[in-house]
Amino acid sequence: MESGELKGMPAGTYKVSFMFVMEEVIPSGQEGIPPTFINKPIPIDRKYLNVATSGLTCEVKGRTKFDIRVEKP
């Protein structure tokens, strides 16, 4: 990689996990009243939230697209 040049991830095998935003903002619609936050259910098994338990890996070889299948909770 040359200085100032961005090339992406180096080729190799990487462990994979997922992150989810678990709160959704519901605007109050009224000035001065704060919005409401609610917890949303996670649509995949929680084991995929941690690289130590996900069991998922991807091999990067140049420009790569990944289709990853996971289990529901």
N, C-alpha and C. Protein backbone atom coordinates (compact mmCIF):
# COMPACT_ATOMS: atom_id res chain seq x y z
N MET A 1 0.85 -1.17 0.00
CA MET A 1 0.00 0.00 0.00
C MET A 1 0.89 1.23 0.00
N GLU A 2 0.59 2.16 -0.86
CA GLU A 2 1.35 3.39 -0.91
C GLU A 2 0.74 4.42 0.02
N SER A 3 1.54 5.34 0.46
CA SER A 3 1.06 6.39 1.36
C SER A 3 -0.08 7.16 0.73
N GLY A 4 -1.15 7.33 1.48
CA GLY A 4 -2.30 8.10 1.00
C GLY A 4 -3.22 7.33 0.06
N GLU A 5 -2.94 6.04 -0.17
CA GLU A 5 -3.75 5.24 -1.07
C GLU A 5 -4.50 4.19 -0.27
N LEU A 6 -5.81 4.13 -0.43
CA LEU A 6 -6.63 3.18 0.30
C LEU A 6 -7.00 2.02 -0.61
N LYS A 7 -6.68 0.80 -0.23
CA LYS A 7 -6.92 -0.37 -1.07
C LYS A 7 -7.94 -1.34 -0.50
N GLY A 8 -8.42 -1.16 0.71
CA GLY A 8 -9.34 -2.10 1.31
C GLY A 8 -8.61 -3.09 2.20
N MET A 9 -9.28 -4.19 2.50
CA MET A 9 -8.71 -5.19 3.39
C MET A 9 -7.67 -6.01 2.67
N PRO A 10 -6.57 -6.33 3.34
CA PRO A 10 -5.56 -7.21 2.74
C PRO A 10 -6.14 -8.61 2.53
N ALA A 11 -5.65 -9.33 1.54
CA ALA A 11 -6.09 -10.70 1.30
C ALA A 11 -5.82 -11.55 2.53
N GLY A 12 -6.70 -12.48 2.81
CA GLY A 12 -6.54 -13.36 3.95
C GLY A 12 -7.88 -13.89 4.42
N THR A 13 -7.85 -14.71 5.45
CA THR A 13 -9.05 -15.27 6.04
C THR A 13 -9.39 -14.48 7.30
N TYR A 14 -10.65 -14.09 7.42
CA TYR A 14 -11.11 -13.27 8.54
C TYR A 14 -12.27 -13.93 9.25
N LYS A 15 -12.29 -13.82 10.57
CA LYS A 15 -13.44 -14.26 11.35
C LYS A 15 -14.52 -13.19 11.21
N VAL A 16 -15.79 -13.64 11.22
CA VAL A 16 -16.90 -12.74 10.95
C VAL A 16 -17.89 -12.75 12.11
N SER A 17 -18.38 -11.57 12.44
CA SER A 17 -19.50 -11.44 13.38
C SER A 17 -20.38 -10.31 12.87
N PHE A 18 -21.55 -10.14 13.47
CA PHE A 18 -22.51 -9.12 13.07
C PHE A 18 -22.78 -8.16 14.20
N MET A 19 -23.13 -6.94 13.85
CA MET A 19 -23.56 -5.92 14.81
C MET A 19 -24.94 -5.43 14.40
N PHE A 20 -25.79 -5.16 15.37
CA PHE A 20 -27.12 -4.63 15.09
C PHE A 20 -27.37 -3.41 15.95
N VAL A 21 -28.04 -2.44 15.37
CA VAL A 21 -28.53 -1.31 16.15
C VAL A 21 -29.83 -1.80 16.76
N MET A 22 -29.85 -1.88 18.09
CA MET A 22 -30.99 -2.49 18.76
C MET A 22 -32.05 -1.51 19.22
N GLU A 23 -31.88 -0.25 18.90
CA GLU A 23 -32.89 0.72 19.31
C GLU A 23 -33.41 1.46 18.09
N GLU A 24 -34.68 1.73 18.08
CA GLU A 24 -35.29 2.48 17.01
C GLU A 24 -35.92 3.73 17.61
N VAL A 25 -35.66 4.85 16.98
CA VAL A 25 -36.20 6.10 17.50
C VAL A 25 -37.61 6.31 16.98
N ILE A 26 -38.52 6.62 17.88
CA ILE A 26 -39.87 7.00 17.50
C ILE A 26 -40.02 8.47 17.88
N PRO A 27 -40.06 9.36 16.89
CA PRO A 27 -40.16 10.78 17.22
C PRO A 27 -41.47 11.08 17.95
N SER A 28 -41.42 12.00 18.88
CA SER A 28 -42.61 12.35 19.65
C SER A 28 -43.58 13.20 18.83
N GLY A 29 -43.04 13.96 17.89
CA GLY A 29 -43.90 14.83 17.08
C GLY A 29 -44.23 16.14 17.77
N GLN A 30 -43.78 16.30 19.01
CA GLN A 30 -44.07 17.53 19.74
C GLN A 30 -42.76 18.15 20.21
N GLU A 31 -42.64 19.44 20.01
CA GLU A 31 -41.42 20.14 20.42
C GLU A 31 -41.26 20.08 21.93
N GLY A 32 -40.05 19.82 22.38
CA GLY A 32 -39.76 19.76 23.81
C GLY A 32 -39.95 18.40 24.43
N ILE A 33 -40.58 17.45 23.71
CA ILE A 33 -40.77 16.10 24.23
C ILE A 33 -39.77 15.19 23.53
N PRO A 34 -38.91 14.51 24.29
CA PRO A 34 -37.87 13.67 23.68
C PRO A 34 -38.47 12.47 22.94
N PRO A 35 -37.74 11.94 21.96
CA PRO A 35 -38.22 10.75 21.24
C PRO A 35 -38.17 9.52 22.15
N THR A 36 -38.86 8.48 21.76
CA THR A 36 -38.89 7.22 22.48
C THR A 36 -37.96 6.23 21.80
N PHE A 37 -37.25 5.44 22.60
CA PHE A 37 -36.38 4.39 22.07
C PHE A 37 -36.97 3.04 22.44
N ILE A 38 -37.02 2.13 21.50
CA ILE A 38 -37.52 0.78 21.79
C ILE A 38 -36.48 -0.24 21.37
N ASN A 39 -36.44 -1.35 22.07
CA ASN A 39 -35.55 -2.45 21.69
C ASN A 39 -36.21 -3.27 20.60
N LYS A 40 -35.44 -3.56 19.56
CA LYS A 40 -35.92 -4.40 18.47
C LYS A 40 -35.35 -5.79 18.64
N PRO A 41 -36.09 -6.83 18.26
CA PRO A 41 -35.54 -8.18 18.36
C PRO A 41 -34.41 -8.37 17.34
N ILE A 42 -33.43 -9.18 17.70
CA ILE A 42 -32.33 -9.48 16.80
C ILE A 42 -32.78 -10.62 15.88
N PRO A 43 -32.69 -10.43 14.55
CA PRO A 43 -33.26 -11.42 13.62
C PRO A 43 -32.39 -12.66 13.38
N ILE A 44 -31.25 -12.76 14.06
CA ILE A 44 -30.38 -13.94 13.88
C ILE A 44 -29.99 -14.48 15.25
N ASP A 45 -29.50 -15.71 15.27
CA ASP A 45 -29.03 -16.33 16.51
C ASP A 45 -27.93 -15.47 17.12
N ARG A 46 -27.97 -15.27 18.42
CA ARG A 46 -27.01 -14.40 19.12
C ARG A 46 -25.55 -14.87 19.01
N LYS A 47 -25.33 -16.14 18.69
CA LYS A 47 -23.96 -16.62 18.56
C LYS A 47 -23.21 -15.87 17.46
N TYR A 48 -23.92 -15.31 16.50
CA TYR A 48 -23.29 -14.58 15.39
C TYR A 48 -22.85 -13.16 15.76
N LEU A 49 -23.12 -12.75 16.98
CA LEU A 49 -22.75 -11.40 17.43
C LEU A 49 -21.33 -11.35 17.97
N ASN A 50 -20.65 -12.49 18.07
CA ASN A 50 -19.31 -12.56 18.64
C ASN A 50 -18.42 -13.43 17.75
N VAL A 51 -17.24 -12.94 17.38
CA VAL A 51 -16.36 -13.74 16.51
C VAL A 51 -15.93 -15.04 17.17
N ALA A 52 -15.91 -15.09 18.50
CA ALA A 52 -15.48 -16.30 19.20
C ALA A 52 -16.53 -17.41 19.10
N THR A 53 -17.80 -17.05 18.86
CA THR A 53 -18.87 -18.06 18.83
C THR A 53 -19.57 -18.17 17.47
N SER A 54 -19.31 -17.26 16.56
CA SER A 54 -20.05 -17.26 15.29
C SER A 54 -19.72 -18.46 14.41
N GLY A 55 -18.46 -18.91 14.42
CA GLY A 55 -18.05 -20.00 13.55
C GLY A 55 -17.97 -19.60 12.08
N LEU A 56 -18.08 -18.30 11.80
CA LEU A 56 -18.06 -17.82 10.42
C LEU A 56 -16.70 -17.24 10.05
N THR A 57 -16.26 -17.56 8.84
CA THR A 57 -15.04 -16.96 8.30
C THR A 57 -15.30 -16.61 6.84
N CYS A 58 -14.52 -15.67 6.34
CA CYS A 58 -14.56 -15.29 4.92
C CYS A 58 -13.14 -15.13 4.44
N GLU A 59 -12.91 -15.57 3.22
CA GLU A 59 -11.58 -15.42 2.63
C GLU A 59 -11.63 -14.27 1.63
N VAL A 60 -10.81 -13.26 1.87
CA VAL A 60 -10.72 -12.10 1.00
C VAL A 60 -9.63 -12.35 -0.03
N LYS A 61 -10.00 -12.25 -1.30
CA LYS A 61 -9.06 -12.40 -2.41
C LYS A 61 -9.36 -11.28 -3.39
N GLY A 62 -8.74 -10.15 -3.20
CA GLY A 62 -9.04 -9.03 -4.08
C GLY A 62 -10.46 -8.55 -3.84
N ARG A 63 -11.15 -8.20 -4.90
CA ARG A 63 -12.53 -7.73 -4.80
C ARG A 63 -13.43 -8.94 -4.59
N THR A 64 -14.11 -9.03 -3.45
CA THR A 64 -14.87 -10.21 -3.09
C THR A 64 -16.24 -9.82 -2.57
N LYS A 65 -17.27 -10.58 -2.95
CA LYS A 65 -18.63 -10.41 -2.43
C LYS A 65 -18.95 -11.65 -1.61
N PHE A 66 -19.58 -11.45 -0.45
CA PHE A 66 -19.90 -12.58 0.43
C PHE A 66 -21.41 -12.73 0.59
N ASP A 67 -21.89 -13.93 0.44
CA ASP A 67 -23.26 -14.29 0.77
C ASP A 67 -23.17 -15.19 1.98
N ILE A 68 -23.61 -14.70 3.14
CA ILE A 68 -23.47 -15.44 4.39
C ILE A 68 -24.84 -15.85 4.88
N ARG A 69 -25.01 -17.13 5.13
CA ARG A 69 -26.28 -17.66 5.65
C ARG A 69 -26.12 -17.91 7.13
N VAL A 70 -27.11 -17.46 7.89
CA VAL A 70 -27.11 -17.64 9.34
C VAL A 70 -28.44 -18.21 9.80
N GLU A 71 -28.46 -18.72 11.03
CA GLU A 71 -29.67 -19.29 11.60
C GLU A 71 -30.48 -18.24 12.32
N LYS A 72 -31.80 -18.43 12.32
CA LYS A 72 -32.69 -17.56 13.09
C LYS A 72 -32.58 -17.93 14.57
N PRO A 73 -33.00 -17.02 15.44
CA PRO A 73 -32.93 -17.32 16.89
C PRO A 73 -33.87 -18.46 17.28
